[in-house]
Amino acid sequence: MSWSRALLTAFAVCALLVAGSVGCGSGHAGAHKGDGVSPSPVGKVLDHTDEQGRHYREVAKKGAPGIGIEVEPDAADDSWDVTLTVHDFRFSPAGVKPVAVAGRGTVRLMVDGRTVARLRAPEYHLASGLVPHGTHHVTARLYADDGTVWAVRGKPVESTADITASSAQATPDGHRALGSAPARGSK
């Protein structure tokens, strides 16, 4: 075999090896087959953390996930009904891999900074025992599936509603009434 034929053969083998390694990828292509999302890393993980030590994951404001919260008293049992409104965000089902995917994850519901629930749906019934007498801050904060906090401009993506819980009282006509006013969240 001549040197030019050997060189051409070596070049062809190298080209196939490079093309093959590019096509192999990292194994993520089929990992989420059918769900239409890319598991590639998104945003930039910051050094800043939340109260529980979870790092912030900074994303651009344009297209960033958002959340709103509404909390209404449930007079039947002195509890509260929480309704979340999200945009550019999807709740992850249980059992997903702990990988940050753009606009997907869970919501942590906090009362006065203490986590009371991890939500995978936009509605939640907050038990009266979690909201003692007085004024409280109910916060819904977005988290990626890897546990990082979705953040925009260094601030967590969250919404807080202020509520005031008071004891149940009888109305003049003898019915029981919850002495709390509904609260709507702010972004």
Protein backbone atom coordinates (compact mmCIF):
# COMPACT_ATOMS: atom_id res chain seq x y z
CA MET A 1 0.00 0.00 0.00
CA SER A 2 1.37 3.38 -0.88
CA TRP A 3 1.89 6.14 1.70
CA SER A 4 -0.94 8.26 0.17
CA ARG A 5 -3.40 5.37 0.39
CA ALA A 6 -2.38 4.74 4.05
CA LEU A 7 -2.75 8.45 4.84
CA LEU A 8 -6.18 8.53 3.22
CA THR A 9 -7.25 5.42 5.19
CA ALA A 10 -5.98 6.92 8.47
CA PHE A 11 -7.85 10.17 7.72
CA ALA A 12 -11.08 8.26 7.01
CA VAL A 13 -10.78 6.30 10.27
CA CYS A 14 -10.20 9.52 12.24
CA ALA A 15 -13.21 11.18 10.60
CA LEU A 16 -15.42 8.21 11.51
CA LEU A 17 -14.19 8.23 15.11
CA VAL A 18 -14.91 11.96 15.48
CA ALA A 19 -18.34 11.65 13.84
CA GLY A 20 -19.17 8.64 15.98
CA SER A 21 -18.22 10.36 19.23
CA VAL A 22 -20.33 13.40 18.34
CA GLY A 23 -23.29 11.16 17.63
CA CYS A 24 -22.93 9.26 20.90
CA GLY A 25 -23.68 12.25 23.09
CA SER A 26 -23.92 11.97 26.84
CA GLY A 27 -26.84 9.59 27.00
CA HIS A 28 -29.47 12.30 27.63
CA ALA A 29 -31.10 12.16 24.20
CA GLY A 30 -33.27 9.17 25.05
CA ALA A 31 -33.46 9.79 28.79
CA HIS A 32 -36.65 11.84 28.55
CA LYS A 33 -38.10 10.34 25.40
CA GLY A 34 -41.53 11.69 24.66
CA ASP A 35 -41.72 14.48 27.24
CA GLY A 36 -40.40 17.14 24.83
CA VAL A 37 -37.96 18.75 27.24
CA SER A 38 -34.22 19.11 27.10
CA PRO A 39 -32.38 17.93 30.20
CA SER A 40 -29.38 20.13 29.40
CA PRO A 41 -28.15 22.37 32.20
CA VAL A 42 -29.96 25.67 32.28
CA GLY A 43 -29.02 28.97 33.86
CA LYS A 44 -26.06 29.62 36.10
CA VAL A 45 -25.78 28.26 39.63
CA LEU A 46 -24.88 31.10 41.99
CA ASP A 47 -22.99 31.01 45.28
CA HIS A 48 -26.02 32.61 46.99
CA THR A 49 -28.33 30.16 48.84
CA ASP A 50 -31.76 30.17 50.40
CA GLU A 51 -32.51 29.61 54.10
CA GLN A 52 -32.05 25.84 53.74
CA GLY A 53 -28.72 26.17 51.90
CA ARG A 54 -30.04 25.47 48.39
CA HIS A 55 -28.17 27.38 45.67
CA TYR A 56 -29.91 29.87 43.38
CA ARG A 57 -30.10 29.02 39.66
CA GLU A 58 -30.03 32.34 37.79
CA VAL A 59 -32.01 32.56 34.52
CA ALA A 60 -32.72 35.50 32.23
CA LYS A 61 -35.86 37.50 32.98
CA LYS A 62 -37.22 36.88 29.48
CA GLY A 63 -38.88 33.46 29.52
CA ALA A 64 -38.18 32.93 33.24
CA PRO A 65 -40.74 30.97 35.24
CA GLY A 66 -43.12 32.95 37.41
CA ILE A 67 -45.62 32.30 40.19
CA GLY A 68 -48.56 33.97 41.90
CA ILE A 69 -50.32 32.88 45.08
CA GLU A 70 -53.84 33.29 46.42
CA VAL A 71 -54.79 32.13 49.92
CA GLU A 72 -58.43 32.01 51.05
CA PRO A 73 -59.85 30.88 54.40
CA ASP A 74 -61.91 27.70 54.50
CA ALA A 75 -64.54 28.43 57.14
CA ALA A 76 -65.53 24.78 57.39
CA ASP A 77 -62.45 23.85 59.41
CA ASP A 78 -60.42 27.03 60.03
CA SER A 79 -57.92 25.95 57.36
CA TRP A 80 -56.76 27.73 54.20
CA ASP A 81 -57.06 27.01 50.49
CA VAL A 82 -53.92 27.90 48.51
CA THR A 83 -54.13 28.40 44.74
CA LEU A 84 -51.00 28.95 42.67
CA THR A 85 -50.81 30.52 39.23
CA VAL A 86 -47.66 29.74 37.26
CA HIS A 87 -46.34 30.86 33.89
CA ASP A 88 -43.46 29.41 31.90
CA PHE A 89 -43.36 26.65 34.53
CA ARG A 90 -44.54 23.04 34.72
CA PHE A 91 -44.90 20.95 37.86
CA SER A 92 -42.69 17.85 37.77
CA PRO A 93 -44.25 14.50 38.52
CA ALA A 94 -42.85 12.41 41.35
CA GLY A 95 -39.82 10.31 40.45
CA VAL A 96 -38.16 12.60 37.88
CA LYS A 97 -34.39 12.65 37.72
CA PRO A 98 -32.76 15.37 39.85
CA VAL A 99 -31.72 17.45 36.83
CA ALA A 100 -32.58 21.10 36.23
CA VAL A 101 -34.78 21.45 33.15
CA ALA A 102 -35.88 24.89 31.95
CA GLY A 103 -39.20 25.93 33.47
CA ARG A 104 -39.87 22.73 35.39
CA GLY A 105 -39.74 21.68 39.03
CA THR A 106 -41.63 21.89 42.30
CA VAL A 107 -42.95 24.59 44.60
CA ARG A 108 -42.07 24.84 48.26
CA LEU A 109 -44.85 26.35 50.33
CA MET A 110 -43.59 28.20 53.38
CA VAL A 111 -45.31 29.82 56.34
CA ASP A 112 -43.15 32.50 57.91
CA GLY A 113 -40.06 31.04 56.20
CA ARG A 114 -40.64 27.45 57.37
CA THR A 115 -41.34 24.87 54.65
CA VAL A 116 -44.71 23.18 55.20
CA ALA A 117 -45.15 21.40 51.85
CA ARG A 118 -43.44 20.54 48.58
CA LEU A 119 -46.03 20.87 45.84
CA ARG A 120 -46.36 19.18 42.47
CA ALA A 121 -49.78 20.71 41.74
CA PRO A 122 -51.25 24.24 41.81
CA GLU A 123 -53.66 23.70 44.71
CA TYR A 124 -53.07 22.88 48.36
CA HIS A 125 -55.16 22.72 51.54
CA LEU A 126 -53.18 24.35 54.37
CA ALA A 127 -54.20 22.90 57.74
CA SER A 128 -55.19 25.34 60.48
CA GLY A 129 -52.51 23.95 62.79
CA LEU A 130 -49.82 25.28 60.45
CA VAL A 131 -51.16 28.84 60.73
CA PRO A 132 -51.56 29.86 64.38
CA HIS A 133 -53.38 32.97 65.54
CA GLY A 134 -51.83 36.16 64.13
CA THR A 135 -50.49 37.58 60.86
CA HIS A 136 -48.33 35.32 58.70
CA HIS A 137 -46.48 35.30 55.39
CA VAL A 138 -47.34 32.39 53.09
CA THR A 139 -44.71 32.08 50.35
CA ALA A 140 -44.60 29.87 47.27
CA ARG A 141 -41.07 29.54 45.82
CA LEU A 142 -40.05 27.74 42.61
CA TYR A 143 -37.34 25.05 42.70
CA ALA A 144 -35.72 23.07 39.89
CA ASP A 145 -35.74 19.28 40.12
CA ASP A 146 -32.11 19.30 41.25
CA GLY A 147 -33.10 21.30 44.35
CA THR A 148 -31.78 24.67 43.18
CA VAL A 149 -33.95 27.78 43.54
CA TRP A 150 -35.10 29.41 40.30
CA ALA A 151 -33.85 33.01 40.45
CA VAL A 152 -33.96 36.17 38.32
CA ARG A 153 -31.52 39.01 38.95
CA GLY A 154 -30.27 37.32 42.11
CA LYS A 155 -33.73 37.02 43.71
CA PRO A 156 -35.74 33.82 44.09
CA VAL A 157 -38.81 33.37 41.90
CA GLU A 158 -41.54 33.44 44.52
CA SER A 159 -44.79 35.05 45.58
CA THR A 160 -45.98 35.86 49.10
CA ALA A 161 -49.44 36.43 50.56
CA ASP A 162 -50.00 37.94 53.98
CA ILE A 163 -52.81 36.33 55.95
CA THR A 164 -54.27 36.93 59.37
CA ALA A 165 -55.62 33.98 61.32
CA SER A 166 -57.92 34.52 64.24
CA SER A 167 -60.12 32.22 66.22
CA ALA A 168 -63.52 31.21 64.95
CA GLN A 169 -66.34 33.36 66.25
CA ALA A 170 -70.09 33.06 66.25
CA THR A 171 -71.98 35.50 64.04
CA PRO A 172 -75.09 37.33 65.31
CA ASP A 173 -77.29 34.72 63.62
CA GLY A 174 -75.47 31.88 65.46
CA HIS A 175 -73.38 30.57 62.59
CA ARG A 176 -69.70 30.00 63.02
CA ALA A 177 -67.47 32.40 61.08
CA LEU A 178 -63.74 32.40 60.58
CA GLY A 179 -62.27 35.73 61.64
CA SER A 180 -59.77 35.85 58.78
CA ALA A 181 -59.74 37.81 55.60
CA PRO A 182 -58.68 36.28 52.28
CA ALA A 183 -55.24 37.24 51.07
CA ARG A 184 -53.94 37.64 47.56
CA GLY A 185 -50.28 37.25 46.76
CA SER A 186 -47.78 39.66 45.37
CA LYS A 187 -44.95 38.81 43.04
